[in-house]
Amino acid sequence: MPTLGKPAEQSASVIKNVYSSGVGESMDAVANAVLMVKKNLGDLSETDLTNLTQQVITLEELYGIDMNETLRGVNSLM
């Protein structure tokens, strides 16, 4: 079985952890959120990526806040 490489393995682990925690309506939605966080904020540790993904999904689901706009704002502040 071929290896996915470190970034792909990290993403797969984060997607699994976030979805398993009950956040996100589907694995696809969580995967898209993980990719969006990585795209907007760059390299993050697995823990930071997991936490940020959970937070942006929660903001989007509970308050209807656009995830992409939120991440761009966070990136600007950083």
N, C-alpha and C. Protein backbone atom coordinates (compact mmCIF):
# COMPACT_ATOMS: atom_id res chain seq x y z
N MET A 1 0.84 -1.18 0.00
CA MET A 1 0.00 0.00 0.00
C MET A 1 0.89 1.24 0.00
N PRO A 2 0.69 2.17 -0.94
CA PRO A 2 1.53 3.36 -1.00
C PRO A 2 1.24 4.31 0.15
N THR A 3 2.27 5.04 0.55
CA THR A 3 2.09 6.05 1.59
C THR A 3 1.56 7.33 0.97
N LEU A 4 0.75 8.02 1.75
CA LEU A 4 0.14 9.26 1.27
C LEU A 4 1.07 10.45 1.41
N GLY A 5 2.04 10.36 2.27
CA GLY A 5 2.89 11.49 2.54
C GLY A 5 2.39 12.20 3.79
N LYS A 6 3.29 12.89 4.46
CA LYS A 6 2.98 13.54 5.74
C LYS A 6 1.80 14.51 5.66
N PRO A 7 1.75 15.46 4.71
CA PRO A 7 0.62 16.39 4.67
C PRO A 7 -0.74 15.70 4.48
N ALA A 8 -0.78 14.70 3.61
CA ALA A 8 -2.03 13.99 3.37
C ALA A 8 -2.44 13.17 4.59
N GLU A 9 -1.46 12.55 5.24
CA GLU A 9 -1.75 11.78 6.45
C GLU A 9 -2.25 12.69 7.56
N GLN A 10 -1.65 13.88 7.69
CA GLN A 10 -2.09 14.84 8.70
C GLN A 10 -3.53 15.26 8.42
N SER A 11 -3.83 15.59 7.17
CA SER A 11 -5.19 16.00 6.81
C SER A 11 -6.20 14.89 7.09
N ALA A 12 -5.86 13.67 6.73
CA ALA A 12 -6.76 12.54 6.96
C ALA A 12 -7.02 12.35 8.46
N SER A 13 -5.99 12.49 9.26
CA SER A 13 -6.12 12.34 10.71
C SER A 13 -6.99 13.45 11.28
N VAL A 14 -6.79 14.67 10.83
CA VAL A 14 -7.58 15.82 11.31
C VAL A 14 -9.04 15.64 10.92
N ILE A 15 -9.29 15.26 9.67
CA ILE A 15 -10.66 15.06 9.20
C ILE A 15 -11.36 14.02 10.08
N LYS A 16 -10.68 12.92 10.32
CA LYS A 16 -11.25 11.86 11.15
C LYS A 16 -11.53 12.36 12.57
N ASN A 17 -10.57 13.07 13.16
CA ASN A 17 -10.74 13.57 14.53
C ASN A 17 -11.87 14.58 14.64
N VAL A 18 -11.96 15.50 13.70
CA VAL A 18 -13.00 16.52 13.74
C VAL A 18 -14.37 15.87 13.57
N TYR A 19 -14.51 15.01 12.57
CA TYR A 19 -15.81 14.38 12.32
C TYR A 19 -16.20 13.47 13.48
N SER A 20 -15.24 12.75 14.04
CA SER A 20 -15.51 11.86 15.17
C SER A 20 -15.95 12.63 16.42
N SER A 21 -15.55 13.89 16.51
CA SER A 21 -15.92 14.71 17.67
C SER A 21 -17.35 15.23 17.56
N GLY A 22 -18.01 14.94 16.43
CA GLY A 22 -19.40 15.37 16.25
C GLY A 22 -19.55 16.71 15.57
N VAL A 23 -18.46 17.24 15.05
CA VAL A 23 -18.50 18.53 14.36
C VAL A 23 -18.53 18.27 12.86
N GLY A 24 -19.41 18.97 12.16
CA GLY A 24 -19.51 18.82 10.71
C GLY A 24 -20.62 17.87 10.32
N GLU A 25 -21.29 18.21 9.23
CA GLU A 25 -22.44 17.41 8.81
C GLU A 25 -22.05 16.17 8.01
N SER A 26 -20.85 16.16 7.45
CA SER A 26 -20.38 15.00 6.69
C SER A 26 -18.85 15.03 6.63
N MET A 27 -18.28 13.89 6.26
CA MET A 27 -16.83 13.82 6.10
C MET A 27 -16.37 14.77 4.99
N ASP A 28 -17.17 14.88 3.93
CA ASP A 28 -16.82 15.79 2.84
C ASP A 28 -16.79 17.24 3.31
N ALA A 29 -17.78 17.63 4.12
CA ALA A 29 -17.83 19.00 4.64
C ALA A 29 -16.61 19.28 5.52
N VAL A 30 -16.24 18.31 6.34
CA VAL A 30 -15.06 18.47 7.20
C VAL A 30 -13.80 18.54 6.35
N ALA A 31 -13.70 17.68 5.35
CA ALA A 31 -12.53 17.69 4.46
C ALA A 31 -12.39 19.04 3.78
N ASN A 32 -13.49 19.60 3.30
CA ASN A 32 -13.45 20.92 2.66
C ASN A 32 -13.02 21.99 3.65
N ALA A 33 -13.50 21.90 4.89
CA ALA A 33 -13.12 22.87 5.91
C ALA A 33 -11.63 22.78 6.22
N VAL A 34 -11.10 21.56 6.33
CA VAL A 34 -9.68 21.37 6.60
C VAL A 34 -8.85 21.99 5.47
N LEU A 35 -9.24 21.73 4.25
CA LEU A 35 -8.51 22.30 3.10
C LEU A 35 -8.57 23.82 3.10
N MET A 36 -9.72 24.37 3.46
CA MET A 36 -9.87 25.82 3.48
C MET A 36 -9.01 26.44 4.58
N VAL A 37 -8.96 25.81 5.75
CA VAL A 37 -8.12 26.31 6.83
C VAL A 37 -6.66 26.28 6.40
N LYS A 38 -6.23 25.16 5.81
CA LYS A 38 -4.84 25.05 5.37
C LYS A 38 -4.52 26.07 4.28
N LYS A 39 -5.45 26.28 3.38
CA LYS A 39 -5.23 27.24 2.28
C LYS A 39 -5.07 28.66 2.82
N ASN A 40 -5.90 29.03 3.78
CA ASN A 40 -5.88 30.39 4.30
C ASN A 40 -4.83 30.64 5.37
N LEU A 41 -4.47 29.63 6.14
CA LEU A 41 -3.57 29.85 7.27
C LEU A 41 -2.24 29.14 7.14
N GLY A 42 -2.05 28.35 6.11
CA GLY A 42 -0.76 27.72 5.87
C GLY A 42 -0.51 26.53 6.77
N ASP A 43 0.76 26.27 7.00
CA ASP A 43 1.16 25.10 7.80
C ASP A 43 0.83 25.31 9.26
N LEU A 44 0.10 24.37 9.81
CA LEU A 44 -0.26 24.37 11.22
C LEU A 44 0.04 23.00 11.79
N SER A 45 0.22 22.95 13.09
CA SER A 45 0.37 21.64 13.73
C SER A 45 -0.96 20.90 13.61
N GLU A 46 -0.92 19.60 13.79
CA GLU A 46 -2.15 18.81 13.70
C GLU A 46 -3.17 19.26 14.74
N THR A 47 -2.69 19.58 15.93
CA THR A 47 -3.58 20.05 17.01
C THR A 47 -4.23 21.38 16.64
N ASP A 48 -3.43 22.33 16.16
CA ASP A 48 -3.98 23.64 15.77
C ASP A 48 -4.96 23.50 14.61
N LEU A 49 -4.60 22.67 13.64
CA LEU A 49 -5.48 22.47 12.49
C LEU A 49 -6.81 21.85 12.92
N THR A 50 -6.75 20.89 13.83
CA THR A 50 -7.97 20.26 14.34
C THR A 50 -8.84 21.28 15.08
N ASN A 51 -8.22 22.02 16.00
CA ASN A 51 -8.98 23.00 16.79
C ASN A 51 -9.58 24.10 15.93
N LEU A 52 -8.80 24.65 15.01
CA LEU A 52 -9.31 25.72 14.15
C LEU A 52 -10.42 25.22 13.24
N THR A 53 -10.27 24.02 12.71
CA THR A 53 -11.31 23.47 11.84
C THR A 53 -12.60 23.29 12.63
N GLN A 54 -12.52 22.76 13.83
CA GLN A 54 -13.71 22.61 14.66
C GLN A 54 -14.37 23.95 14.94
N GLN A 55 -13.57 24.96 15.22
CA GLN A 55 -14.10 26.27 15.55
C GLN A 55 -14.78 26.94 14.35
N VAL A 56 -14.15 26.87 13.16
CA VAL A 56 -14.77 27.53 12.01
C VAL A 56 -16.03 26.81 11.56
N ILE A 57 -16.05 25.48 11.67
CA ILE A 57 -17.27 24.74 11.33
C ILE A 57 -18.39 25.11 12.30
N THR A 58 -18.06 25.19 13.59
CA THR A 58 -19.05 25.56 14.60
C THR A 58 -19.59 26.96 14.35
N LEU A 59 -18.72 27.91 14.06
CA LEU A 59 -19.17 29.28 13.76
C LEU A 59 -20.10 29.30 12.56
N GLU A 60 -19.75 28.55 11.54
CA GLU A 60 -20.56 28.52 10.34
C GLU A 60 -21.93 27.88 10.62
N GLU A 61 -21.93 26.75 11.33
CA GLU A 61 -23.18 26.03 11.59
C GLU A 61 -24.09 26.77 12.56
N LEU A 62 -23.52 27.32 13.64
CA LEU A 62 -24.35 27.95 14.67
C LEU A 62 -24.79 29.36 14.30
N TYR A 63 -23.89 30.11 13.68
CA TYR A 63 -24.17 31.52 13.45
C TYR A 63 -24.27 31.92 11.99
N GLY A 64 -24.06 30.97 11.10
CA GLY A 64 -24.15 31.28 9.68
C GLY A 64 -23.03 32.16 9.17
N ILE A 65 -21.92 32.19 9.90
CA ILE A 65 -20.78 33.02 9.51
C ILE A 65 -20.02 32.31 8.40
N ASP A 66 -19.72 33.04 7.33
CA ASP A 66 -19.01 32.46 6.20
C ASP A 66 -17.60 32.06 6.60
N MET A 67 -17.30 30.78 6.44
CA MET A 67 -16.02 30.22 6.84
C MET A 67 -14.85 30.88 6.11
N ASN A 68 -14.98 31.07 4.83
CA ASN A 68 -13.89 31.64 4.04
C ASN A 68 -13.58 33.07 4.49
N GLU A 69 -14.61 33.86 4.73
CA GLU A 69 -14.41 35.24 5.19
C GLU A 69 -13.75 35.26 6.56
N THR A 70 -14.20 34.38 7.45
CA THR A 70 -13.61 34.31 8.78
C THR A 70 -12.13 33.97 8.70
N LEU A 71 -11.78 33.00 7.89
CA LEU A 71 -10.38 32.59 7.77
C LEU A 71 -9.51 33.67 7.14
N ARG A 72 -10.05 34.38 6.18
CA ARG A 72 -9.29 35.50 5.59
C ARG A 72 -9.05 36.58 6.63
N GLY A 73 -10.06 36.84 7.45
CA GLY A 73 -9.88 37.83 8.52
C GLY A 73 -8.84 37.41 9.54
N VAL A 74 -8.87 36.14 9.92
CA VAL A 74 -7.88 35.61 10.86
C VAL A 74 -6.49 35.72 10.26
N ASN A 75 -6.36 35.38 8.99
CA ASN A 75 -5.06 35.45 8.32
C ASN A 75 -4.55 36.88 8.29
N SER A 76 -5.43 37.83 8.05
CA SER A 76 -5.04 39.24 8.03
C SER A 76 -4.55 39.70 9.41
N LEU A 77 -5.24 39.23 10.44
CA LEU A 77 -4.85 39.61 11.80
C LEU A 77 -3.51 39.00 12.21
N MET A 78 -3.21 37.83 11.67
CA MET A 78 -1.95 37.17 12.02
C MET A 78 -0.81 37.87 11.31
